[in-house]
Each structure stands twice: as C-alpha cells, then as structure tokens.
Amino acid sequence: MAAEVAPLQPLKLPAGPSVITAEQRYWRTFKNQLVIPTPTEVPVTHITAPVANPAGDNNDLFAVTAGPRVQIYSIRTRKLVKTFTRFGDNARSGEIRRDGRIMVAGEDSGRIQVFDVKSRAILKTWTQHKQPVWTTKFSPTDLTTLMSASDDRSVRLWDLPSSESTSVFLGHSDYVRSSAFIPGTMSNLLASGSYDNTVRLWDPRTPSSSSSVMVFKHHAPIEDVLPLASDRYFTQHCLQRSSRRLRVT
C-alpha cells in the first residue's frame, strides 16, 4: 500500500539584496512623465532650476538654453511660458533671477544680455568679453549683481545699472568654462574652473581683486564647479570624469 503524500511546508528563506536601488525607487515615484521636444535640432546645453527666494515670491520658472534661444517653462503648469530668440549666436547659460522677473544669458559672440521676463525686452547689453561667455549667474544675495565667465580667460562681476563690469578677475591661463557664487556666509566669494586645470577663489573685497585668494590644482580641465549648501564645500567636475570635494576655510 502506497504511503499518503502530504504537502510540504513552505520554506521561508531570508530576503536577498534588492535589485532596485534607492535612486531607481525615487524616479519611479514620478508617474506622469512629460516629454517636451525642443524646436531645434541642436542639443540642450543648460538648464537652470528655480532658486529659493528669501522674499517669498512665487518663482516656479526654469530656463532651458538650446542653440540660439532660451525657453522659459513653468514647473507648476509644465508648459512653455516664454521664448527668447534675440541672440546673434548660440546662447549660453540662460538663468532667471530668483524673483522670476529678469533673465541673463551669454553668447558665443562674447555678448551678455539681460531681459525682462514679462515683456522679453532687452534691459542691458554688455560686450566687454571678446570670446564666448559660457556662464552667467545672479548673486544669491544682491538682485542687481551678476557674474560671467568667458573663454577670454576672465571672470567678471556686473551691476545692472552699470555700463561696464565692476570687477575683472584675471589669473586663469586658459578657457574659463564655469563659475559660481559661494552661498551662505561666504557669498562675497566666487569660484571659477578653467581648462588650465585649476579652480580659483576670488574675493572682490581684497585690495587687488584681480588676484585669486586660493588656487586648487587638478590633473584635467575643469568643466563645472558646484558650491554646496554648507557654504564651506564645493565640488568640481573634470573632463576625465573624476570629482573631488574641496573645503574652503
């Protein structure tokens, strides 16, 4: 007589490592993907996100730079708000001021233009740079102050009412493709990265503002510098895809 066959008790094994990373889980929380095609075949070269506004103004705009135009989109509505095409060459680094009222952008011609976001009128044009301007940024503390970095090896500070740059920082020996204001308590300092393999810190308050107050040497051209929120650190990105954290004291 055959023995009765009984079902086996399920064996509970310990859970294995998750094949989904934390970053993948984060991106999967976005359910409604929106793909916005650019009107030209040229690649997008720069995107700026809204900056926190201490005054409390509701600025939900961000700028997308592609070829000879800068487009302004709304995060809230996810729609195109404005298009700026009054450039004589490829535009670079379009950025909106934290109050959402003014935008600045550089050009491959070396020109810098400041626009009124609502009317799209040109408020200011500067032509002191003689080679492409790769970076334009507004000061995080002063609404009328902005900076620029250019292939002419210079970094400049500008004031909106002024017709010329208020400070010129010289010291790099090759293209300057990135620059940024240091946030927080060190907002007077500027950082710039160059194809001469150095990151330099500048302080306009020093007697000789053209001299960098600190130099960090690397082994490859610097593509980008990013200050961190702690205001004592910033990161740099080299062309060789290596990254290094620097402490500013």
C-alpha atoms as a PDB file:
ATOM      1  CA  MET A   1       0.000   0.000   0.000  1.00  0.00           C
ATOM      2  CA  ALA A   2       1.440   3.380  -1.032  1.00  0.00           C
ATOM      3  CA  ALA A   3       2.182   5.958   1.659  1.00  0.00           C
ATOM      4  CA  GLU A   4      -0.005   9.041   1.820  1.00  0.00           C
ATOM      5  CA  VAL A   5       1.604  12.045   0.206  1.00  0.00           C
ATOM      6  CA  ALA A   6       1.395  15.152   2.402  1.00  0.00           C
ATOM      7  CA  PRO A   7       2.091  18.703   1.193  1.00  0.00           C
ATOM      8  CA  LEU A   8       5.461  20.113   2.152  1.00  0.00           C
ATOM      9  CA  GLN A   9       5.612  23.108   4.455  1.00  0.00           C
ATOM     10  CA  PRO A  10       6.837  26.196   2.561  1.00  0.00           C
ATOM     11  CA  LEU A  11      10.369  27.136   3.458  1.00  0.00           C
ATOM     12  CA  LYS A  12      10.862  30.818   4.170  1.00  0.00           C
ATOM     13  CA  LEU A  13      14.291  31.951   3.026  1.00  0.00           C
ATOM     14  CA  PRO A  14      15.955  35.239   4.024  1.00  0.00           C
ATOM     15  CA  ALA A  15      15.359  38.084   1.613  1.00  0.00           C
ATOM     16  CA  GLY A  16      18.109  38.644  -0.908  1.00  0.00           C
ATOM     17  CA  PRO A  17      19.589  42.026  -1.831  1.00  0.00           C
ATOM     18  CA  SER A  18      17.206  44.352  -3.650  1.00  0.00           C
ATOM     19  CA  VAL A  19      17.865  44.712  -7.354  1.00  0.00           C
ATOM     20  CA  ILE A  20      16.245  48.177  -7.287  1.00  0.00           C
ATOM     21  CA  THR A  21      18.422  50.977  -5.996  1.00  0.00           C
ATOM     22  CA  ALA A  22      17.216  53.882  -3.881  1.00  0.00           C
ATOM     23  CA  GLU A  23      17.692  56.202  -6.835  1.00  0.00           C
ATOM     24  CA  GLN A  24      15.538  53.969  -9.050  1.00  0.00           C
ATOM     25  CA  ARG A  25      12.792  53.935  -6.433  1.00  0.00           C
ATOM     26  CA  TYR A  26      12.914  57.731  -6.292  1.00  0.00           C
ATOM     27  CA  TRP A  27      12.497  58.190 -10.029  1.00  0.00           C
ATOM     28  CA  ARG A  28       9.687  55.615 -10.132  1.00  0.00           C
ATOM     29  CA  THR A  29       7.615  57.841  -7.850  1.00  0.00           C
ATOM     30  CA  PHE A  30       7.112  60.182 -10.831  1.00  0.00           C
ATOM     31  CA  LYS A  31       4.078  58.655 -12.522  1.00  0.00           C
ATOM     32  CA  ASN A  32       3.256  61.167 -15.254  1.00  0.00           C
ATOM     33  CA  GLN A  33       6.249  61.668 -17.488  1.00  0.00           C
ATOM     34  CA  LEU A  34       6.188  64.755 -19.699  1.00  0.00           C
ATOM     35  CA  VAL A  35       8.487  64.923 -22.720  1.00  0.00           C
ATOM     36  CA  ILE A  36       8.919  68.413 -24.152  1.00  0.00           C
ATOM     37  CA  PRO A  37      10.580  68.489 -27.588  1.00  0.00           C
ATOM     38  CA  THR A  38      12.886  71.396 -28.384  1.00  0.00           C
ATOM     39  CA  PRO A  39      12.029  73.414 -31.502  1.00  0.00           C
ATOM     40  CA  THR A  40      15.512  72.977 -32.973  1.00  0.00           C
ATOM     41  CA  GLU A  41      17.769  70.027 -33.653  1.00  0.00           C
ATOM     42  CA  VAL A  42      20.599  71.472 -31.560  1.00  0.00           C
ATOM     43  CA  PRO A  43      21.190  69.897 -28.140  1.00  0.00           C
ATOM     44  CA  VAL A  44      20.132  71.436 -24.850  1.00  0.00           C
ATOM     45  CA  THR A  45      23.265  72.907 -23.284  1.00  0.00           C
ATOM     46  CA  HIS A  46      21.972  74.306 -19.999  1.00  0.00           C
ATOM     47  CA  ILE A  47      19.014  74.039 -17.599  1.00  0.00           C
ATOM     48  CA  THR A  48      18.568  76.195 -14.507  1.00  0.00           C
ATOM     49  CA  ALA A  49      16.154  75.306 -11.719  1.00  0.00           C
ATOM     50  CA  PRO A  50      14.271  77.899  -9.636  1.00  0.00           C
ATOM     51  CA  VAL A  51      16.327  79.441  -6.856  1.00  0.00           C
ATOM     52  CA  ALA A  52      14.972  79.797  -3.332  1.00  0.00           C
ATOM     53  CA  ASN A  53      13.678  83.337  -2.887  1.00  0.00           C
ATOM     54  CA  PRO A  54      14.006  84.839   0.619  1.00  0.00           C
ATOM     55  CA  ALA A  55      11.305  87.417  -0.237  1.00  0.00           C
ATOM     56  CA  GLY A  56       8.748  84.672  -0.668  1.00  0.00           C
ATOM     57  CA  ASP A  57       7.848  85.469  -4.273  1.00  0.00           C
ATOM     58  CA  ASN A  58       6.403  82.529  -6.146  1.00  0.00           C
ATOM     59  CA  ASN A  59       9.029  81.797  -8.804  1.00  0.00           C
ATOM     60  CA  ASP A  60       8.315  78.436 -10.398  1.00  0.00           C
ATOM     61  CA  LEU A  61      10.135  79.182 -13.648  1.00  0.00           C
ATOM     62  CA  PHE A  62      13.163  77.442 -15.090  1.00  0.00           C
ATOM     63  CA  ALA A  63      15.246  78.237 -18.180  1.00  0.00           C
ATOM     64  CA  VAL A  64      16.374  75.868 -20.930  1.00  0.00           C
ATOM     65  CA  THR A  65      19.180  77.008 -23.251  1.00  0.00           C
ATOM     66  CA  ALA A  66      19.469  75.333 -26.656  1.00  0.00           C
ATOM     67  CA  GLY A  67      21.209  76.822 -29.662  1.00  0.00           C
ATOM     68  CA  PRO A  68      20.320  80.481 -30.347  1.00  0.00           C
ATOM     69  CA  ARG A  69      17.396  80.584 -27.926  1.00  0.00           C
ATOM     70  CA  VAL A  70      16.393  80.360 -24.277  1.00  0.00           C
ATOM     71  CA  GLN A  71      12.976  78.993 -23.313  1.00  0.00           C
ATOM     72  CA  ILE A  72      11.199  79.601 -20.010  1.00  0.00           C
ATOM     73  CA  TYR A  73       8.947  76.873 -18.581  1.00  0.00           C
ATOM     74  CA  SER A  74       6.663  76.714 -15.555  1.00  0.00           C
ATOM     75  CA  ILE A  75       7.121  73.833 -13.132  1.00  0.00           C
ATOM     76  CA  ARG A  76       3.550  74.261 -11.866  1.00  0.00           C
ATOM     77  CA  THR A  77       1.822  74.111 -15.253  1.00  0.00           C
ATOM     78  CA  ARG A  78       4.626  72.212 -17.040  1.00  0.00           C
ATOM     79  CA  LYS A  79       4.134  74.445 -20.069  1.00  0.00           C
ATOM     80  CA  LEU A  80       6.259  76.800 -22.138  1.00  0.00           C
ATOM     81  CA  VAL A  81       5.913  80.382 -20.881  1.00  0.00           C
ATOM     82  CA  LYS A  82       8.330  82.468 -22.986  1.00  0.00           C
ATOM     83  CA  THR A  83      10.874  82.035 -25.768  1.00  0.00           C
ATOM     84  CA  PHE A  84      13.841  84.391 -26.190  1.00  0.00           C
ATOM     85  CA  THR A  85      15.465  84.389 -29.632  1.00  0.00           C
ATOM     86  CA  ARG A  86      17.193  87.776 -29.803  1.00  0.00           C
ATOM     87  CA  PHE A  87      20.692  86.329 -29.945  1.00  0.00           C
ATOM     88  CA  GLY A  88      23.273  86.820 -32.656  1.00  0.00           C
ATOM     89  CA  ASP A  89      24.944  83.489 -31.916  1.00  0.00           C
ATOM     90  CA  ASN A  90      24.444  80.408 -29.775  1.00  0.00           C
ATOM     91  CA  ALA A  91      23.162  81.374 -26.333  1.00  0.00           C
ATOM     92  CA  ARG A  92      24.835  80.085 -23.164  1.00  0.00           C
ATOM     93  CA  SER A  93      23.772  79.619 -19.559  1.00  0.00           C
ATOM     94  CA  GLY A  94      20.377  81.343 -19.545  1.00  0.00           C
ATOM     95  CA  GLU A  95      19.433  81.989 -15.915  1.00  0.00           C
ATOM     96  CA  ILE A  96      16.412  83.587 -14.245  1.00  0.00           C
ATOM     97  CA  ARG A  97      16.847  85.833 -11.229  1.00  0.00           C
ATOM     98  CA  ARG A  98      15.354  84.429  -8.036  1.00  0.00           C
ATOM     99  CA  ASP A  99      12.380  86.821  -8.161  1.00  0.00           C
ATOM    100  CA  GLY A 100      11.444  85.498 -11.624  1.00  0.00           C
ATOM    101  CA  ARG A 101      11.470  88.948 -13.229  1.00  0.00           C
ATOM    102  CA  ILE A 102      14.819  89.113 -15.066  1.00  0.00           C
ATOM    103  CA  MET A 103      16.855  86.658 -17.141  1.00  0.00           C
ATOM    104  CA  VAL A 104      20.502  86.827 -18.208  1.00  0.00           C
ATOM    105  CA  ALA A 105      22.332  84.835 -20.874  1.00  0.00           C
ATOM    106  CA  GLY A 106      25.717  84.848 -22.570  1.00  0.00           C
ATOM    107  CA  GLU A 107      26.567  84.238 -26.215  1.00  0.00           C
ATOM    108  CA  ASP A 108      29.321  82.643 -28.254  1.00  0.00           C
ATOM    109  CA  SER A 109      29.921  86.138 -29.644  1.00  0.00           C
ATOM    110  CA  GLY A 110      31.017  87.291 -26.169  1.00  0.00           C
ATOM    111  CA  ARG A 111      27.910  89.411 -25.616  1.00  0.00           C
ATOM    112  CA  ILE A 112      25.843  89.294 -22.401  1.00  0.00           C
ATOM    113  CA  GLN A 113      22.179  90.287 -22.476  1.00  0.00           C
ATOM    114  CA  VAL A 114      19.711  90.906 -19.661  1.00  0.00           C
ATOM    115  CA  PHE A 115      15.997  90.514 -20.451  1.00  0.00           C
ATOM    116  CA  ASP A 116      12.732  91.442 -18.793  1.00  0.00           C
ATOM    117  CA  VAL A 117      10.953  88.077 -18.472  1.00  0.00           C
ATOM    118  CA  LYS A 118       7.437  89.507 -18.809  1.00  0.00           C
ATOM    119  CA  SER A 119       7.953  91.710 -21.866  1.00  0.00           C
ATOM    120  CA  ARG A 120      11.070  89.994 -23.292  1.00  0.00           C
ATOM    121  CA  ALA A 121      12.617  93.451 -23.709  1.00  0.00           C
ATOM    122  CA  ILE A 122      16.424  93.730 -23.592  1.00  0.00           C
ATOM    123  CA  LEU A 123      17.304  95.707 -20.465  1.00  0.00           C
ATOM    124  CA  LYS A 124      21.092  95.616 -20.721  1.00  0.00           C
ATOM    125  CA  THR A 125      23.776  94.545 -23.188  1.00  0.00           C
ATOM    126  CA  TRP A 126      27.450  94.144 -22.296  1.00  0.00           C
ATOM    127  CA  THR A 127      30.180  93.479 -24.856  1.00  0.00           C
ATOM    128  CA  GLN A 128      33.365  93.604 -22.761  1.00  0.00           C
ATOM    129  CA  HIS A 129      34.035  89.881 -23.247  1.00  0.00           C
ATOM    130  CA  LYS A 130      35.635  89.207 -26.632  1.00  0.00           C
ATOM    131  CA  GLN A 131      35.192  85.423 -26.687  1.00  0.00           C
ATOM    132  CA  PRO A 132      32.286  83.061 -25.852  1.00  0.00           C
ATOM    133  CA  VAL A 133      30.637  83.605 -22.468  1.00  0.00           C
ATOM    134  CA  TRP A 134      29.891  80.169 -21.004  1.00  0.00           C
ATOM    135  CA  THR A 135      28.493  81.075 -17.600  1.00  0.00           C
ATOM    136  CA  THR A 136      26.213  83.831 -16.330  1.00  0.00           C
ATOM    137  CA  LYS A 137      24.814  83.776 -12.795  1.00  0.00           C
ATOM    138  CA  PHE A 138      22.954  86.144 -10.491  1.00  0.00           C
ATOM    139  CA  SER A 139      24.207  86.822  -6.994  1.00  0.00           C
ATOM    140  CA  PRO A 140      22.293  84.877  -4.314  1.00  0.00           C
ATOM    141  CA  THR A 141      22.188  87.967  -2.074  1.00  0.00           C
ATOM    142  CA  ASP A 142      22.099  91.057  -4.321  1.00  0.00           C
ATOM    143  CA  LEU A 143      19.427  91.383  -7.014  1.00  0.00           C
ATOM    144  CA  THR A 144      21.493  93.757  -9.170  1.00  0.00           C
ATOM    145  CA  THR A 145      24.781  91.822  -9.114  1.00  0.00           C
ATOM    146  CA  LEU A 146      25.737  89.043 -11.512  1.00  0.00           C
ATOM    147  CA  MET A 147      28.854  87.311 -12.791  1.00  0.00           C
ATOM    148  CA  SER A 148      30.179  85.887 -16.052  1.00  0.00           C
ATOM    149  CA  ALA A 149      32.960  83.547 -17.161  1.00  0.00           C
ATOM    150  CA  SER A 150      34.441  83.501 -20.644  1.00  0.00           C
ATOM    151  CA  ASP A 151      36.887  81.821 -22.986  1.00  0.00           C
ATOM    152  CA  ASP A 152      38.855  85.091 -22.850  1.00  0.00           C
ATOM    153  CA  ARG A 153      40.233  83.688 -19.517  1.00  0.00           C
ATOM    154  CA  SER A 154      38.442  86.254 -17.358  1.00  0.00           C
ATOM    155  CA  VAL A 155      35.697  86.243 -14.735  1.00  0.00           C
ATOM    156  CA  ARG A 156      33.722  89.450 -14.335  1.00  0.00           C
ATOM    157  CA  LEU A 157      31.270  90.987 -11.883  1.00  0.00           C
ATOM    158  CA  TRP A 158      28.478  93.209 -13.180  1.00  0.00           C
ATOM    159  CA  ASP A 159      25.975  95.619 -11.677  1.00  0.00           C
ATOM    160  CA  LEU A 160      22.728  96.123 -13.599  1.00  0.00           C
ATOM    161  CA  PRO A 161      22.803  99.944 -13.562  1.00  0.00           C
ATOM    162  CA  SER A 162      26.433  99.987 -14.759  1.00  0.00           C
ATOM    163  CA  SER A 163      27.569 100.054 -18.378  1.00  0.00           C
ATOM    164  CA  GLU A 164      30.798  98.161 -17.650  1.00  0.00           C
ATOM    165  CA  SER A 165      31.926  95.370 -15.357  1.00  0.00           C
ATOM    166  CA  THR A 166      32.584  96.381 -11.771  1.00  0.00           C
ATOM    167  CA  SER A 167      35.376  93.832 -11.215  1.00  0.00           C
ATOM    168  CA  VAL A 168      37.586  91.799 -13.542  1.00  0.00           C
ATOM    169  CA  PHE A 169      39.321  88.679 -12.225  1.00  0.00           C
ATOM    170  CA  LEU A 170      42.409  87.613 -14.182  1.00  0.00           C
ATOM    171  CA  GLY A 171      44.675  84.678 -13.401  1.00  0.00           C
ATOM    172  CA  HIS A 172      43.490  81.713 -15.437  1.00  0.00           C
ATOM    173  CA  SER A 173      45.702  80.808 -18.389  1.00  0.00           C
ATOM    174  CA  ASP A 174      43.041  79.010 -20.446  1.00  0.00           C
ATOM    175  CA  TYR A 175      39.293  78.978 -21.118  1.00  0.00           C
ATOM    176  CA  VAL A 176      37.061  79.620 -18.094  1.00  0.00           C
ATOM    177  CA  ARG A 177      34.006  77.430 -18.634  1.00  0.00           C
ATOM    178  CA  SER A 178      32.402  77.548 -15.164  1.00  0.00           C
ATOM    179  CA  SER A 179      31.953  79.872 -12.217  1.00  0.00           C
ATOM    180  CA  ALA A 180      29.664  80.266  -9.212  1.00  0.00           C
ATOM    181  CA  PHE A 181      28.956  82.378  -6.154  1.00  0.00           C
ATOM    182  CA  ILE A 182      29.745  80.696  -2.847  1.00  0.00           C
ATOM    183  CA  PRO A 183      26.434  80.644  -0.898  1.00  0.00           C
ATOM    184  CA  GLY A 184      25.673  81.498   2.721  1.00  0.00           C
ATOM    185  CA  THR A 185      28.070  83.478   4.880  1.00  0.00           C
ATOM    186  CA  MET A 186      30.750  83.416   2.152  1.00  0.00           C
ATOM    187  CA  SER A 187      28.541  84.902  -0.592  1.00  0.00           C
ATOM    188  CA  ASN A 188      31.189  87.515  -1.423  1.00  0.00           C
ATOM    189  CA  LEU A 189      33.496  84.796  -2.769  1.00  0.00           C
ATOM    190  CA  LEU A 190      33.418  83.482  -6.315  1.00  0.00           C
ATOM    191  CA  ALA A 191      34.752  80.164  -7.603  1.00  0.00           C
ATOM    192  CA  SER A 192      35.819  79.536 -11.187  1.00  0.00           C
ATOM    193  CA  GLY A 193      37.034  76.470 -13.055  1.00  0.00           C
ATOM    194  CA  SER A 194      39.276  76.566 -16.105  1.00  0.00           C
ATOM    195  CA  TYR A 195      40.837  74.430 -18.797  1.00  0.00           C
ATOM    196  CA  ASP A 196      44.175  75.321 -17.180  1.00  0.00           C
ATOM    197  CA  ASN A 197      43.334  72.530 -14.648  1.00  0.00           C
ATOM    198  CA  THR A 198      42.745  74.922 -11.754  1.00  0.00           C
ATOM    199  CA  VAL A 199      39.867  76.080  -9.575  1.00  0.00           C
ATOM    200  CA  ARG A 200      40.319  79.595  -8.213  1.00  0.00           C
ATOM    201  CA  LEU A 201      38.565  81.527  -5.461  1.00  0.00           C
ATOM    202  CA  TRP A 202      38.134  85.277  -5.858  1.00  0.00           C
ATOM    203  CA  ASP A 203      37.234  87.943  -3.303  1.00  0.00           C
ATOM    204  CA  PRO A 204      36.183  91.356  -4.693  1.00  0.00           C
ATOM    205  CA  ARG A 205      36.833  92.936  -1.277  1.00  0.00           C
ATOM    206  CA  THR A 206      40.596  92.382  -1.442  1.00  0.00           C
ATOM    207  CA  PRO A 207      42.785  95.345  -2.451  1.00  0.00           C
ATOM    208  CA  SER A 208      43.814  93.536  -5.621  1.00  0.00           C
ATOM    209  CA  SER A 209      40.595  91.887  -6.741  1.00  0.00           C
ATOM    210  CA  SER A 210      42.285  90.560  -9.871  1.00  0.00           C
ATOM    211  CA  SER A 211      44.351  88.125  -7.783  1.00  0.00           C
ATOM    212  CA  SER A 212      42.774  84.863  -6.661  1.00  0.00           C
ATOM    213  CA  VAL A 213      42.802  84.261  -2.910  1.00  0.00           C
ATOM    214  CA  MET A 214      43.107  80.478  -3.281  1.00  0.00           C
ATOM    215  CA  VAL A 215      44.085  78.070  -6.086  1.00  0.00           C
ATOM    216  CA  PHE A 216      43.317  74.337  -6.330  1.00  0.00           C
ATOM    217  CA  LYS A 217      45.313  72.397  -8.922  1.00  0.00           C
ATOM    218  CA  HIS A 218      43.953  69.310 -10.682  1.00  0.00           C
ATOM    219  CA  HIS A 219      45.006  66.893 -13.393  1.00  0.00           C
ATOM    220  CA  ALA A 220      42.386  67.681 -16.035  1.00  0.00           C
ATOM    221  CA  PRO A 221      40.390  70.653 -17.385  1.00  0.00           C
ATOM    222  CA  ILE A 222      37.567  71.772 -15.094  1.00  0.00           C
ATOM    223  CA  GLU A 223      34.115  71.554 -16.672  1.00  0.00           C
ATOM    224  CA  ASP A 224      31.983  72.687 -13.725  1.00  0.00           C
ATOM    225  CA  VAL A 225      32.108  73.937 -10.142  1.00  0.00           C
ATOM    226  CA  LEU A 226      29.177  73.469  -7.760  1.00  0.00           C
ATOM    227  CA  PRO A 227      29.056  75.118  -4.314  1.00  0.00           C
ATOM    228  CA  LEU A 228      27.328  73.020  -1.671  1.00  0.00           C
ATOM    229  CA  ALA A 229      24.706  74.358   0.721  1.00  0.00           C
ATOM    230  CA  SER A 230      27.040  74.128   3.722  1.00  0.00           C
ATOM    231  CA  ASP A 231      28.958  77.142   2.257  1.00  0.00           C
ATOM    232  CA  ARG A 232      32.263  75.508   3.251  1.00  0.00           C
ATOM    233  CA  TYR A 233      32.487  72.986   0.421  1.00  0.00           C
ATOM    234  CA  PHE A 234      32.190  72.916  -3.319  1.00  0.00           C
ATOM    235  CA  THR A 235      32.754  70.205  -5.895  1.00  0.00           C
ATOM    236  CA  GLN A 236      34.496  70.347  -9.223  1.00  0.00           C
ATOM    237  CA  HIS A 237      33.988  68.196 -12.283  1.00  0.00           C
ATOM    238  CA  CYS A 238      36.910  67.379 -14.559  1.00  0.00           C
ATOM    239  CA  LEU A 239      36.759  66.291 -18.167  1.00  0.00           C
ATOM    240  CA  GLN A 240      38.250  62.952 -17.117  1.00  0.00           C
ATOM    241  CA  ARG A 241      35.015  62.358 -15.136  1.00  0.00           C
ATOM    242  CA  SER A 242      36.694  62.481 -11.739  1.00  0.00           C
ATOM    243  CA  SER A 243      35.229  64.523  -8.891  1.00  0.00           C
ATOM    244  CA  ARG A 244      36.852  65.943  -5.819  1.00  0.00           C
ATOM    245  CA  ARG A 245      35.393  67.732  -2.791  1.00  0.00           C
ATOM    246  CA  LEU A 246      37.203  70.850  -1.647  1.00  0.00           C
ATOM    247  CA  ARG A 247      36.917  72.501   1.730  1.00  0.00           C
ATOM    248  CA  VAL A 248      37.014  76.280   1.930  1.00  0.00           C
ATOM    249  CA  THR A 249      38.230  77.604   5.284  1.00  0.00           C
END
